[in-house]
Protein backbone atom coordinates (compact mmCIF):
# COMPACT_ATOMS: atom_id res chain seq x y z
CA UNK A 1 76.38 112.17 111.39
CA UNK A 2 78.53 110.36 113.52
CA UNK A 3 75.87 107.45 114.33
CA UNK A 4 76.06 106.39 110.70
CA UNK A 5 79.60 106.32 110.16
CA UNK A 6 79.56 103.97 113.23
CA UNK A 7 76.83 101.61 111.98
CA UNK A 8 79.10 101.45 108.49
CA UNK A 9 82.08 100.68 110.61
CA UNK A 10 80.66 98.09 112.44
CA UNK A 11 78.92 96.78 109.39
CA UNK A 12 82.60 96.89 107.42
CA UNK A 13 84.60 94.81 110.46
CA UNK A 14 81.63 92.28 110.90
CA UNK A 15 81.64 91.83 106.84
CA UNK A 16 85.34 91.41 107.05
CA UNK A 17 85.57 89.17 109.71
CA UNK A 18 82.67 86.64 107.99
CA UNK A 19 85.57 86.34 105.47
CA UNK A 20 88.24 85.72 107.75
CA UNK A 21 86.16 82.59 109.04
CA UNK A 22 85.09 81.45 105.80
CA UNK A 23 88.60 81.31 104.76
CA UNK A 24 89.01 78.96 108.05
CA UNK A 25 86.06 76.98 107.29
CA UNK A 26 87.44 76.55 103.94
CA UNK A 27 90.92 75.68 105.99
CA UNK A 28 89.17 73.31 107.96
CA UNK A 29 87.14 71.89 105.46
CA UNK A 30 90.07 70.98 103.28
CA UNK A 31 91.85 69.46 105.98
CA UNK A 32 88.79 66.76 107.28
CA UNK A 33 88.63 66.25 103.51
CA UNK A 34 92.34 65.26 103.69
CA UNK A 35 91.90 62.91 106.84
CA UNK A 36 89.14 61.22 105.35
CA UNK A 37 91.07 60.43 102.14
CA UNK A 38 93.50 58.94 104.38
CA UNK A 39 91.19 57.42 106.12
CA UNK A 40 89.55 55.59 103.57
CA UNK A 41 93.15 54.56 102.15
CA UNK A 42 93.96 53.14 105.31
CA UNK A 43 90.53 51.16 105.76
CA UNK A 44 91.44 49.68 101.66
CA UNK A 45 94.80 48.88 103.06
CA UNK A 46 93.24 46.72 105.89
CA UNK A 47 90.62 45.06 104.32
CA UNK A 48 93.32 43.77 101.87
CA UNK A 49 95.05 42.97 104.71
CA UNK A 50 92.73 41.06 105.99
CA UNK A 51 91.96 39.48 103.12
CA UNK A 52 95.25 38.27 102.74
CA UNK A 53 95.26 36.73 106.05
CA UNK A 54 92.38 34.98 105.51
CA UNK A 55 93.84 33.19 102.49
CA UNK A 56 97.00 32.69 104.14
CA UNK A 57 94.65 30.90 106.94
CA UNK A 58 93.18 28.33 104.53
CA UNK A 59 96.43 27.60 103.14
CA UNK A 60 97.96 26.77 106.32
CA UNK A 61 94.40 24.49 107.37
CA UNK A 62 94.81 22.73 103.97
CA UNK A 63 98.61 22.00 105.11
CA UNK A 64 97.71 20.78 108.37
CA UNK A 65 95.17 18.54 107.25
CA UNK A 66 97.91 16.82 105.11
CA UNK A 67 100.46 17.25 107.85
CA UNK A 68 97.78 14.91 109.87
CA UNK A 69 96.88 12.59 106.72
CA UNK A 70 100.90 11.77 106.72
CA UNK A 71 101.50 11.44 110.40
CA UNK A 72 98.60 8.99 110.79
CA UNK A 73 99.78 6.26 107.97
CA UNK A 74 101.87 3.70 109.38
CA UNK A 75 105.53 3.94 108.89
CA UNK A 76 107.32 1.91 106.79
CA UNK A 77 110.07 -0.44 107.79
CA UNK A 78 113.61 0.69 106.48
CA UNK A 79 115.17 -1.38 104.28
CA UNK A 80 118.48 -3.51 104.64
């Protein structure tokens, strides 16, 4: 009589601990999902910043070529 009761208690405790682990795994998975979302957002922001920097560099290159062209022109004599 005691043996079946002991087995029933062990099985019950085992099932209860499984539920606890399921809750912990659900919490961990939720945190991982949140982190994944934040990482994806940061990656998109970084990509956007990279594109903006590339466009700024292209504009600077265009301005630099204009400055060099102006500097290469012969200087005009002042009037008077």
